[in-house]
Amino acid sequence: NTEVDLDILNDTIEYIRPAVQADGGDIKLSSVENGVVNIEMLGACQGCPMSIATLKSGIERILMDKVPGVVEVIAT
């Protein structure tokens, strides 16, 4: 179990954010516990049927690749 480095996590979220904002949405880090990152989907992402696909195939993949210790990303 690797502790998630919040600085790397926040930097990576800032790296992802412009792509989400380009579609009228936004993301915000809610919490991190035991490698599970809770992301709040904002703006156009709220209630969008594609937001879960974006979260899992995009955001989760990038965070797990770039941030040691991240095991899952879920929307809160």
N, C-alpha and C. Protein backbone atom coordinates (compact mmCIF):
# COMPACT_ATOMS: atom_id res chain seq x y z
N ASN A 1 0.84 -1.19 0.00
CA ASN A 1 0.00 0.00 0.00
C ASN A 1 0.88 1.25 0.00
N THR A 2 0.86 1.99 -1.07
CA THR A 2 1.63 3.21 -1.19
C THR A 2 0.74 4.39 -0.84
N GLU A 3 1.27 5.28 -0.01
CA GLU A 3 0.54 6.50 0.34
C GLU A 3 0.46 7.40 -0.89
N VAL A 4 -0.71 7.95 -1.16
CA VAL A 4 -0.90 8.84 -2.31
C VAL A 4 -0.31 10.20 -1.98
N ASP A 5 0.59 10.68 -2.85
CA ASP A 5 1.21 12.00 -2.70
C ASP A 5 0.21 13.05 -3.20
N LEU A 6 -0.30 13.85 -2.28
CA LEU A 6 -1.35 14.82 -2.65
C LEU A 6 -0.84 15.90 -3.60
N ASP A 7 0.44 16.24 -3.52
CA ASP A 7 0.98 17.24 -4.45
C ASP A 7 0.96 16.71 -5.88
N ILE A 8 1.40 15.46 -6.06
CA ILE A 8 1.38 14.85 -7.40
C ILE A 8 -0.07 14.69 -7.86
N LEU A 9 -0.94 14.28 -6.96
CA LEU A 9 -2.35 14.10 -7.30
C LEU A 9 -2.97 15.42 -7.76
N ASN A 10 -2.76 16.48 -7.00
CA ASN A 10 -3.33 17.78 -7.37
C ASN A 10 -2.75 18.30 -8.68
N ASP A 11 -1.43 18.11 -8.88
CA ASP A 11 -0.81 18.53 -10.14
C ASP A 11 -1.41 17.77 -11.32
N THR A 12 -1.67 16.48 -11.13
CA THR A 12 -2.24 15.66 -12.21
C THR A 12 -3.68 16.06 -12.49
N ILE A 13 -4.44 16.38 -11.46
CA ILE A 13 -5.81 16.87 -11.66
C ILE A 13 -5.78 18.18 -12.45
N GLU A 14 -4.82 19.06 -12.14
CA GLU A 14 -4.70 20.31 -12.89
C GLU A 14 -4.33 20.05 -14.35
N TYR A 15 -3.58 18.99 -14.60
CA TYR A 15 -3.22 18.58 -15.95
C TYR A 15 -4.45 18.10 -16.73
N ILE A 16 -5.36 17.40 -16.05
CA ILE A 16 -6.57 16.85 -16.66
C ILE A 16 -7.65 17.91 -16.84
N ARG A 17 -7.73 18.83 -15.90
CA ARG A 17 -8.84 19.80 -15.82
C ARG A 17 -9.16 20.54 -17.13
N PRO A 18 -8.19 21.05 -17.90
CA PRO A 18 -8.54 21.78 -19.13
C PRO A 18 -9.33 20.95 -20.13
N ALA A 19 -9.06 19.67 -20.23
CA ALA A 19 -9.81 18.81 -21.16
C ALA A 19 -11.26 18.68 -20.72
N VAL A 20 -11.49 18.57 -19.41
CA VAL A 20 -12.85 18.46 -18.89
C VAL A 20 -13.57 19.81 -19.06
N GLN A 21 -12.85 20.89 -18.80
CA GLN A 21 -13.45 22.22 -18.92
C GLN A 21 -13.80 22.56 -20.37
N ALA A 22 -13.08 22.00 -21.31
CA ALA A 22 -13.36 22.25 -22.73
C ALA A 22 -14.74 21.74 -23.12
N ASP A 23 -15.26 20.77 -22.37
CA ASP A 23 -16.60 20.24 -22.63
C ASP A 23 -17.65 20.84 -21.70
N GLY A 24 -17.28 21.90 -20.98
CA GLY A 24 -18.24 22.60 -20.12
C GLY A 24 -18.34 22.06 -18.71
N GLY A 25 -17.46 21.15 -18.34
CA GLY A 25 -17.50 20.58 -17.00
C GLY A 25 -16.30 20.98 -16.19
N ASP A 26 -16.15 20.34 -15.06
CA ASP A 26 -14.98 20.55 -14.22
C ASP A 26 -14.90 19.39 -13.24
N ILE A 27 -13.74 19.24 -12.61
CA ILE A 27 -13.55 18.20 -11.61
C ILE A 27 -12.91 18.82 -10.38
N LYS A 28 -13.24 18.26 -9.23
CA LYS A 28 -12.69 18.74 -7.96
C LYS A 28 -12.38 17.53 -7.10
N LEU A 29 -11.22 17.54 -6.49
CA LEU A 29 -10.84 16.47 -5.58
C LEU A 29 -11.66 16.59 -4.30
N SER A 30 -12.38 15.52 -3.96
CA SER A 30 -13.17 15.51 -2.73
C SER A 30 -12.39 14.92 -1.57
N SER A 31 -11.82 13.73 -1.79
CA SER A 31 -11.06 13.07 -0.72
C SER A 31 -10.24 11.93 -1.29
N VAL A 32 -9.31 11.45 -0.47
CA VAL A 32 -8.50 10.29 -0.81
C VAL A 32 -8.44 9.41 0.42
N GLU A 33 -8.78 8.13 0.25
CA GLU A 33 -8.72 7.20 1.37
C GLU A 33 -8.33 5.82 0.87
N ASN A 34 -7.25 5.29 1.42
CA ASN A 34 -6.76 3.96 1.05
C ASN A 34 -6.56 3.79 -0.45
N GLY A 35 -6.04 4.82 -1.10
CA GLY A 35 -5.77 4.76 -2.53
C GLY A 35 -6.97 5.01 -3.42
N VAL A 36 -8.15 5.22 -2.82
CA VAL A 36 -9.36 5.52 -3.59
C VAL A 36 -9.54 7.04 -3.62
N VAL A 37 -9.55 7.58 -4.83
CA VAL A 37 -9.68 9.02 -5.03
C VAL A 37 -11.14 9.33 -5.34
N ASN A 38 -11.73 10.21 -4.57
CA ASN A 38 -13.11 10.66 -4.79
C ASN A 38 -13.07 12.00 -5.51
N ILE A 39 -13.67 12.02 -6.69
CA ILE A 39 -13.70 13.21 -7.53
C ILE A 39 -15.14 13.71 -7.63
N GLU A 40 -15.31 15.01 -7.48
CA GLU A 40 -16.63 15.60 -7.69
C GLU A 40 -16.70 16.11 -9.12
N MET A 41 -17.70 15.64 -9.86
CA MET A 41 -17.91 16.06 -11.24
C MET A 41 -18.81 17.30 -11.22
N LEU A 42 -18.38 18.38 -11.84
CA LEU A 42 -19.10 19.65 -11.78
C LEU A 42 -19.52 20.13 -13.16
N GLY A 43 -20.36 21.15 -13.18
CA GLY A 43 -20.79 21.77 -14.44
C GLY A 43 -21.55 20.79 -15.32
N ALA A 44 -21.19 20.77 -16.61
CA ALA A 44 -21.88 19.91 -17.57
C ALA A 44 -21.69 18.43 -17.25
N CYS A 45 -20.68 18.10 -16.44
CA CYS A 45 -20.43 16.69 -16.09
C CYS A 45 -21.50 16.15 -15.14
N GLN A 46 -22.14 17.01 -14.37
CA GLN A 46 -23.17 16.56 -13.44
C GLN A 46 -24.35 16.03 -14.22
N GLY A 47 -24.68 14.78 -14.00
CA GLY A 47 -25.83 14.19 -14.64
C GLY A 47 -25.62 13.77 -16.09
N CYS A 48 -24.43 14.01 -16.63
CA CYS A 48 -24.16 13.61 -18.01
C CYS A 48 -23.91 12.10 -18.05
N PRO A 49 -24.60 11.38 -18.94
CA PRO A 49 -24.42 9.93 -19.00
C PRO A 49 -22.99 9.52 -19.37
N MET A 50 -22.25 10.39 -20.03
CA MET A 50 -20.88 10.07 -20.42
C MET A 50 -19.87 10.34 -19.31
N SER A 51 -20.30 10.97 -18.22
CA SER A 51 -19.34 11.35 -17.18
C SER A 51 -18.69 10.14 -16.52
N ILE A 52 -19.41 9.03 -16.38
CA ILE A 52 -18.82 7.83 -15.78
C ILE A 52 -17.76 7.24 -16.71
N ALA A 53 -18.03 7.25 -18.02
CA ALA A 53 -17.04 6.78 -18.99
C ALA A 53 -15.81 7.68 -18.96
N THR A 54 -16.03 8.98 -18.88
CA THR A 54 -14.91 9.93 -18.78
C THR A 54 -14.11 9.67 -17.52
N LEU A 55 -14.83 9.44 -16.42
CA LEU A 55 -14.17 9.20 -15.14
C LEU A 55 -13.33 7.93 -15.19
N LYS A 56 -13.90 6.84 -15.65
CA LYS A 56 -13.23 5.54 -15.62
C LYS A 56 -12.18 5.37 -16.71
N SER A 57 -12.52 5.71 -17.96
CA SER A 57 -11.58 5.45 -19.04
C SER A 57 -10.58 6.58 -19.24
N GLY A 58 -10.87 7.74 -18.71
CA GLY A 58 -9.97 8.87 -18.86
C GLY A 58 -9.28 9.25 -17.57
N ILE A 59 -10.03 9.81 -16.66
CA ILE A 59 -9.46 10.35 -15.42
C ILE A 59 -8.80 9.25 -14.59
N GLU A 60 -9.50 8.14 -14.38
CA GLU A 60 -8.93 7.06 -13.56
C GLU A 60 -7.65 6.51 -14.19
N ARG A 61 -7.67 6.28 -15.48
CA ARG A 61 -6.50 5.74 -16.17
C ARG A 61 -5.29 6.66 -16.01
N ILE A 62 -5.50 7.96 -16.19
CA ILE A 62 -4.40 8.93 -16.07
C ILE A 62 -3.89 8.99 -14.63
N LEU A 63 -4.81 9.07 -13.67
CA LEU A 63 -4.38 9.17 -12.27
C LEU A 63 -3.65 7.91 -11.82
N MET A 64 -4.12 6.73 -12.22
CA MET A 64 -3.45 5.49 -11.83
C MET A 64 -2.08 5.39 -12.48
N ASP A 65 -1.93 5.95 -13.67
CA ASP A 65 -0.66 5.92 -14.38
C ASP A 65 0.35 6.90 -13.80
N LYS A 66 -0.10 8.08 -13.40
CA LYS A 66 0.81 9.16 -13.00
C LYS A 66 0.99 9.33 -11.50
N VAL A 67 0.06 8.78 -10.71
CA VAL A 67 0.10 9.00 -9.25
C VAL A 67 0.24 7.66 -8.52
N PRO A 68 1.43 7.38 -7.99
CA PRO A 68 1.61 6.13 -7.26
C PRO A 68 0.64 6.02 -6.08
N GLY A 69 0.07 4.82 -5.90
CA GLY A 69 -0.82 4.58 -4.78
C GLY A 69 -2.29 4.68 -5.11
N VAL A 70 -2.64 5.29 -6.24
CA VAL A 70 -4.05 5.39 -6.63
C VAL A 70 -4.50 4.02 -7.17
N VAL A 71 -5.56 3.47 -6.55
CA VAL A 71 -6.06 2.16 -6.96
C VAL A 71 -7.42 2.25 -7.64
N GLU A 72 -8.16 3.34 -7.39
CA GLU A 72 -9.48 3.52 -7.99
C GLU A 72 -9.85 4.98 -7.91
N VAL A 73 -10.69 5.41 -8.86
CA VAL A 73 -11.24 6.77 -8.84
C VAL A 73 -12.75 6.64 -8.94
N ILE A 74 -13.46 7.28 -8.03
CA ILE A 74 -14.91 7.24 -8.05
C ILE A 74 -15.47 8.66 -7.97
N ALA A 75 -16.70 8.82 -8.47
CA ALA A 75 -17.38 10.11 -8.40
C ALA A 75 -18.18 10.19 -7.11
N THR A 76 -18.13 11.34 -6.46
CA THR A 76 -18.91 11.53 -5.23
C THR A 76 -20.07 12.45 -5.49
